[in-house]
Protein backbone atom coordinates (compact mmCIF):
# COMPACT_ATOMS: atom_id res chain seq x y z
CA MET A 1 115.17 13.74 83.56
CA THR A 2 115.63 17.33 82.51
CA THR A 3 115.25 20.58 84.48
CA ALA A 4 114.00 23.55 82.76
CA VAL A 5 116.03 26.75 83.90
CA THR A 6 113.44 29.32 83.52
CA GLN A 7 115.04 33.06 83.01
CA PRO A 8 113.99 35.61 85.57
CA ARG A 9 111.69 38.00 84.21
CA SER A 10 112.78 41.73 84.35
CA ALA A 11 110.78 43.93 86.23
CA PRO A 12 109.33 46.65 83.82
CA GLY A 13 111.41 49.86 83.27
CA ALA A 14 114.54 47.47 84.42
CA GLY A 15 117.61 47.97 82.19
CA SER A 16 120.16 45.46 81.35
CA ALA A 17 122.15 46.09 84.55
CA GLY A 18 118.98 45.57 86.65
CA GLY A 19 118.37 49.26 87.22
CA PRO A 20 115.63 51.06 86.42
CA GLU A 21 115.46 52.00 82.60
CA LYS A 22 115.90 55.76 81.96
CA ARG A 23 113.52 56.95 78.86
CA PRO A 24 115.39 59.99 77.01
CA ARG A 25 113.29 62.72 77.42
CA PRO A 26 112.16 64.36 74.48
CA GLY A 27 114.16 67.22 73.16
CA LEU A 28 112.95 70.97 73.14
CA LEU A 29 111.90 70.65 69.32
CA ALA A 30 109.95 67.45 69.81
CA ARG A 31 108.06 69.00 72.89
CA ALA A 32 107.41 72.17 70.99
CA ARG A 33 106.04 70.36 67.84
CA ARG A 34 103.90 68.07 70.52
CA SER A 35 102.49 71.41 71.85
CA PHE A 36 101.88 72.89 68.45
CA ASN A 37 100.11 69.78 67.30
CA HIS A 38 97.69 69.83 70.51
CA HIS A 39 97.13 73.48 70.73
CA TRP A 40 97.73 74.82 67.10
CA TYR A 41 94.67 76.97 67.71
CA ALA A 42 96.08 78.75 70.55
CA TRP A 43 99.26 79.14 68.78
CA ALA A 44 97.55 80.79 66.14
CA MET A 45 95.47 83.46 68.11
CA VAL A 46 98.73 84.28 70.00
CA LEU A 47 100.99 84.54 66.83
CA PRO A 48 99.70 88.19 65.96
CA VAL A 49 100.09 89.63 69.16
CA VAL A 50 103.85 87.93 69.56
CA VAL A 51 104.69 89.62 65.77
CA VAL A 52 103.35 92.84 66.76
CA LEU A 53 105.45 92.64 70.17
CA ALA A 54 108.39 91.49 68.29
CA VAL A 55 108.23 94.44 65.96
CA LEU A 56 107.24 97.13 68.45
CA VAL A 57 109.02 96.11 71.47
CA GLY A 58 111.61 93.40 70.63
CA TYR A 59 113.50 95.14 67.97
CA PRO A 60 113.61 98.50 69.29
CA LEU A 61 114.97 96.92 72.70
CA GLY A 62 117.33 94.54 70.76
CA ARG A 63 118.58 97.64 68.76
CA GLY A 64 118.94 99.83 71.73
CA LEU A 65 120.79 97.02 73.99
CA TYR A 66 123.15 96.58 70.66
CA LEU A 67 123.78 100.53 70.42
CA SER A 68 124.67 100.77 74.14
CA PHE A 69 127.56 98.70 73.47
CA THR A 70 129.10 101.05 70.76
CA ASP A 71 129.97 104.80 70.56
CA ALA A 72 127.17 105.66 67.97
CA ASN A 73 126.33 109.21 67.83
CA GLU A 74 125.36 111.90 65.07
CA ALA A 75 128.58 112.13 63.27
CA ASN A 76 129.26 108.30 63.03
CA ILE A 77 125.88 106.84 62.58
CA GLY A 78 124.90 105.66 58.83
CA ARG A 79 122.34 107.80 56.94
CA THR A 80 121.48 108.85 53.50
CA ILE A 81 122.20 112.20 52.25
CA GLY A 82 120.14 112.90 49.03
CA ASN A 83 121.65 110.02 46.73
CA PHE A 84 124.75 109.77 48.77
CA GLU A 85 124.86 107.15 51.44
CA VAL A 86 126.97 107.60 54.38
CA PRO A 87 128.25 104.18 56.17
CA SER A 88 128.41 103.82 59.92
CA THR A 89 131.88 104.18 61.30
CA TYR A 90 130.86 103.73 65.09
CA THR A 91 132.74 100.82 66.58
CA PHE A 92 131.86 98.57 69.40
CA VAL A 93 133.44 99.75 72.96
CA GLY A 94 131.84 96.78 75.28
CA LEU A 95 130.69 98.06 78.89
CA ASP A 96 132.30 101.44 78.53
CA ASN A 97 129.08 103.40 78.17
CA TYR A 98 127.77 101.65 81.35
CA TRP A 99 131.04 102.16 83.35
CA ASP A 100 130.65 105.61 82.70
CA ILE A 101 127.44 105.71 83.98
CA LEU A 102 127.54 103.86 86.93
CA SER A 103 130.95 105.10 88.11
CA GLY A 104 129.69 108.49 88.20
CA LYS A 105 132.29 109.71 85.71
CA GLU A 106 129.42 110.54 83.31
CA GLY A 107 128.28 113.13 85.89
CA SER A 108 124.67 113.26 85.22
CA PHE A 109 123.26 109.58 86.66
CA TYR A 110 123.09 109.90 90.26
CA PRO A 111 121.87 113.32 90.79
CA ARG A 112 119.00 112.51 88.26
CA LEU A 113 118.52 109.26 89.59
CA THR A 114 118.09 110.87 93.34
CA TRP A 115 115.47 113.31 92.02
CA THR A 116 113.79 110.52 90.18
CA VAL A 117 113.53 108.22 93.14
CA ILE A 118 112.12 111.16 94.95
CA TRP A 119 109.48 112.10 92.27
CA THR A 120 108.29 108.59 91.92
CA ALA A 121 108.11 108.08 95.78
CA SER A 122 106.19 111.52 96.35
CA CYS A 123 103.95 111.00 93.61
CA VAL A 124 103.08 107.42 94.26
CA PHE A 125 102.55 108.24 97.95
CA LEU A 126 100.15 111.15 97.08
CA HIS A 127 98.42 109.02 94.44
CA TYR A 128 97.55 106.05 96.82
CA THR A 129 96.83 108.34 99.90
CA ILE A 130 94.43 110.51 98.12
CA GLY A 131 93.20 107.61 96.03
CA LEU A 132 92.60 105.72 98.94
CA GLY A 133 90.64 108.67 100.95
CA LEU A 134 88.41 109.35 97.89
CA ALA A 135 87.92 105.74 97.68
CA MET A 136 86.54 105.28 100.95
CA LEU A 137 84.38 108.33 100.46
CA LEU A 138 82.71 107.27 97.49
CA ASN A 139 82.18 103.73 98.99
CA ARG A 140 79.74 104.98 101.27
CA PRO A 141 76.24 105.96 100.56
CA VAL A 142 76.14 109.36 99.42
CA ARG A 143 73.72 111.45 97.58
CA GLY A 144 75.14 111.99 93.93
CA ARG A 145 77.80 109.42 94.12
CA SER A 146 77.82 108.38 90.80
CA LEU A 147 78.28 112.16 89.50
CA TYR A 148 81.16 112.25 91.95
CA ARG A 149 82.83 109.55 90.61
CA VAL A 150 82.49 110.79 86.87
CA LEU A 151 83.94 114.11 87.84
CA LEU A 152 86.82 112.76 89.75
CA ILE A 153 87.41 110.26 86.77
CA LEU A 154 87.81 112.97 84.35
CA PRO A 155 91.54 113.78 84.95
CA TRP A 156 92.30 110.41 84.09
CA ALA A 157 90.31 110.48 80.68
CA VAL A 158 92.09 113.53 79.58
CA PRO A 159 95.15 113.01 77.67
CA ALA A 160 98.71 113.77 79.42
CA PHE A 161 99.81 116.16 76.82
CA VAL A 162 96.57 118.46 77.19
CA ALA A 163 96.80 118.24 81.05
CA ALA A 164 100.44 119.12 80.80
CA PHE A 165 99.76 122.24 78.58
CA ALA A 166 96.66 123.29 80.68
CA TRP A 167 98.54 123.30 83.64
CA LYS A 168 101.49 125.24 81.90
CA LEU A 169 99.07 127.91 81.50
CA MET A 170 97.92 128.07 84.99
CA TYR A 171 101.72 128.18 86.07
CA ASN A 172 102.20 131.09 83.76
CA GLY A 173 104.05 134.03 85.82
CA ARG A 174 101.99 136.75 84.43
CA ASN A 175 98.49 135.59 83.39
CA GLY A 176 98.29 132.48 85.36
CA VAL A 177 95.43 131.16 87.44
CA PHE A 178 97.55 130.32 90.44
CA ASN A 179 99.45 134.18 90.44
CA ALA A 180 95.94 135.52 89.79
CA LEU A 181 94.68 134.21 92.75
CA LEU A 182 97.77 134.75 94.96
CA ALA A 183 97.52 138.54 94.16
CA GLU A 184 93.60 138.41 95.27
CA VAL A 185 95.02 137.90 98.75
CA GLY A 186 97.94 139.91 98.86
CA VAL A 187 100.57 137.37 98.09
CA ALA A 188 103.76 138.08 95.37
CA PRO A 189 103.65 136.05 92.19
CA VAL A 190 105.59 132.71 92.20
CA ASP A 191 108.05 131.65 89.49
CA TRP A 192 106.35 128.20 89.36
CA LEU A 193 108.34 127.32 86.12
CA GLY A 194 111.43 129.12 86.60
CA ASP A 195 112.90 128.40 90.13
CA PRO A 196 114.39 124.82 90.19
CA PHE A 197 112.70 123.77 93.62
CA ILE A 198 109.31 125.05 92.73
CA GLN A 199 109.63 123.72 89.34
CA LYS A 200 109.73 120.04 91.23
CA ILE A 201 106.81 120.96 93.28
CA SER A 202 104.91 121.98 90.38
CA VAL A 203 105.22 118.73 88.41
CA ILE A 204 104.73 116.80 91.35
CA MET A 205 101.12 118.71 91.52
CA VAL A 206 100.50 117.76 87.88
CA ASN A 207 101.22 114.15 87.99
CA THR A 208 99.06 113.79 91.23
CA TRP A 209 96.18 115.49 89.83
CA LEU A 210 96.81 112.98 86.76
CA GLY A 211 97.11 109.85 88.75
CA VAL A 212 95.03 110.12 91.71
CA PRO A 213 91.70 108.98 89.89
CA PHE A 214 93.46 105.53 88.74
CA MET A 215 94.42 104.78 92.25
CA MET A 216 90.74 105.80 93.28
CA VAL A 217 88.86 103.63 90.88
CA ALA A 218 91.27 100.42 91.60
CA ILE A 219 90.94 100.94 95.22
CA LEU A 220 87.08 101.55 95.28
CA GLY A 221 87.02 98.15 93.56
CA GLY A 222 89.08 96.80 96.20
CA LEU A 223 86.69 98.18 98.82
CA GLN A 224 83.58 97.01 97.11
CA SER A 225 85.30 93.32 97.12
CA ILE A 226 85.50 93.27 101.11
CA PRO A 227 82.89 91.48 102.64
CA ARG A 228 80.70 93.73 104.76
CA GLU A 229 80.24 91.00 107.32
CA LEU A 230 83.84 91.78 108.47
CA HIS A 231 83.33 95.28 109.19
CA GLU A 232 79.78 94.38 110.98
CA ALA A 233 81.61 91.63 112.91
CA ALA A 234 84.22 94.10 113.83
CA GLU A 235 81.99 96.56 114.88
CA MET A 236 80.21 94.26 117.16
CA ASP A 237 83.31 93.46 119.12
CA GLY A 238 83.82 96.82 119.90
CA ALA A 239 86.65 97.83 117.16
CA SER A 240 86.88 101.44 116.53
CA PRO A 241 86.75 102.99 113.20
CA TRP A 242 90.62 103.30 113.08
CA GLN A 243 90.68 99.58 114.17
CA ARG A 244 88.58 98.47 111.44
CA PHE A 245 90.36 100.12 108.87
CA ARG A 246 93.93 99.00 110.00
CA HIS A 247 92.83 95.35 110.73
CA VAL A 248 90.05 94.71 108.21
CA THR A 249 90.12 97.31 105.29
CA LEU A 250 93.77 97.63 104.84
CA PRO A 251 94.30 93.83 104.78
CA GLY A 252 91.66 93.40 102.39
CA LEU A 253 93.02 95.87 100.19
CA ARG A 254 96.50 94.26 99.87
CA PRO A 255 96.10 92.28 96.60
CA VAL A 256 94.83 95.50 94.85
CA SER A 257 97.25 97.98 96.67
CA SER A 258 100.33 95.92 95.65
CA THR A 259 99.39 95.88 92.12
CA VAL A 260 98.75 99.47 91.54
CA ILE A 261 101.56 100.45 94.02
CA LEU A 262 103.75 98.69 91.40
CA LEU A 263 102.02 99.83 88.32
CA GLY A 264 102.17 103.35 89.73
CA THR A 265 105.63 103.28 90.39
CA ILE A 266 106.50 101.98 86.77
CA TRP A 267 104.53 104.59 85.38
CA THR A 268 106.17 107.43 87.39
CA PHE A 269 109.37 106.52 87.27
CA ASN A 270 108.98 106.96 83.24
CA MET A 271 106.48 109.73 83.21
CA PHE A 272 108.05 111.46 80.10
CA PRO A 273 105.04 113.87 79.18
CA ILE A 274 104.49 115.76 82.58
CA ILE A 275 108.57 116.67 83.02
CA TYR A 276 109.46 117.62 79.32
CA LEU A 277 105.83 119.25 78.55
CA VAL A 278 105.23 121.38 81.93
CA ILE A 279 108.77 122.43 82.51
CA GLY A 280 110.28 122.80 78.61
CA GLN A 281 113.54 122.97 77.63
CA ALA A 282 113.79 126.55 79.10
CA GLY A 283 113.56 125.07 82.74
CA GLY A 284 117.11 123.91 83.03
CA THR A 285 118.54 120.45 83.47
CA GLU A 286 118.08 120.30 87.54
CA SER A 287 114.35 119.00 87.06
CA GLU A 288 114.99 116.52 84.49
CA ILE A 289 114.27 112.58 85.49
CA LEU A 290 116.17 109.67 83.97
CA VAL A 291 113.79 109.06 80.98
CA THR A 292 113.74 112.94 79.88
CA TYR A 293 117.63 113.03 79.97
CA ALA A 294 117.95 110.08 77.75
CA TYR A 295 115.43 111.41 75.22
CA ARG A 296 117.75 114.63 75.41
CA LEU A 297 120.77 112.73 74.67
CA ALA A 298 119.12 111.19 71.67
CA PHE A 299 117.27 114.13 70.22
CA GLN A 300 119.03 117.41 71.28
CA GLY A 301 122.20 118.58 70.48
CA VAL A 302 124.89 116.64 69.27
CA ARG A 303 122.94 113.38 69.45
CA ASP A 304 124.49 110.48 71.33
CA TYR A 305 122.65 107.46 70.73
CA ALA A 306 124.91 105.22 72.37
CA GLY A 307 124.58 106.98 75.57
CA SER A 308 120.67 107.45 75.40
CA ALA A 309 120.52 103.79 74.87
CA SER A 310 122.80 102.81 77.59
CA TYR A 311 120.69 105.04 79.99
CA GLY A 312 117.40 103.34 78.61
CA ILE A 313 118.84 99.75 79.54
CA VAL A 314 119.87 101.19 82.95
CA ILE A 315 116.42 102.57 83.49
CA LEU A 316 114.83 99.18 82.40
CA SER A 317 117.32 97.17 84.66
CA LEU A 318 116.37 99.50 87.64
CA LEU A 319 112.67 98.88 87.30
CA LEU A 320 113.11 94.80 86.92
CA VAL A 321 115.02 94.71 90.28
CA PHE A 322 112.75 97.00 91.95
CA SER A 323 109.71 94.83 90.60
CA VAL A 324 111.45 91.47 91.56
CA PHE A 325 112.58 92.54 95.22
CA TYR A 326 109.12 94.30 95.52
CA ARG A 327 107.18 90.93 94.66
CA ARG A 328 109.65 88.99 96.65
CA MET A 329 108.78 91.22 99.57
CA LEU A 330 105.18 90.83 99.22
CA THR A 331 105.59 87.19 99.34
CA ARG A 332 107.28 86.76 102.13
CA GLN A 333 105.02 88.90 104.33
CA GLU A 334 102.17 86.75 102.82
CA THR A 335 104.30 83.68 104.01
CA ALA A 336 104.95 85.01 107.30
CA ARG A 337 101.23 85.29 108.15
């Protein structure tokens, strides 16, 4: 009698050793090829944007990062003079430029960083508080509300350089509007663009005038998205106007507020035209923010391209760190709730 021996059938996915068979994951190139085959139309639509960003953003950023590791300046940079081509002679210096900036050896970073932070915090605070107040007023049924909205949005529609020159004329020491108004009430004229402290107050006023409309429009949209039933329920429960504002309006505005404050901080931190055009070169360097100082290094006097590029990378790093920590802080607050 013959006994048939049946081999046990291996389970699906079992390997030769009895364990689960691990299929090799497709490589990055294979996954990219599969994605392109399935979504070729989306890739075709995105490609022009990628090319434009690579040319206008990627290459300048990469070039600036490379120059920040060198000692490139006006004397050793390559250039063409007539029919003669002068080769580049700058050398690689590693992290020396960053060390000079962050260690304080360069001497200009921390004073300008302090003023830049004060400038940014002051402007964003005024943008948000004034914009919130105007948005709450325009969110109420007021006669001529549409006209008020158009008039309050006008500063946002004016190009920044036009606004800067207009305010500079109003700040003129002899024929300016502000000193003329002060003279009418018997107050001595103010050197708006000469005194370092008054310079800073002046540019904050200009940037506040420019930035409030954006905040107002964004917050007004946020106010209109809050269900009216929440306010009515809070009012029926006996909540005061301040309590309704604190416990209904502000929480309802949190998504909009977090976004506009982040954008406003980034824009104000790099607000080049207001500082440069209003104060100008005659105002000294005490009112310069980081971005205007980086510009001066690259395009005025003995042009220090490496130093300017290093400042640009430091500014970018500061804004990236702030953005990451700001978003994480908001995420923790949402999770805690």
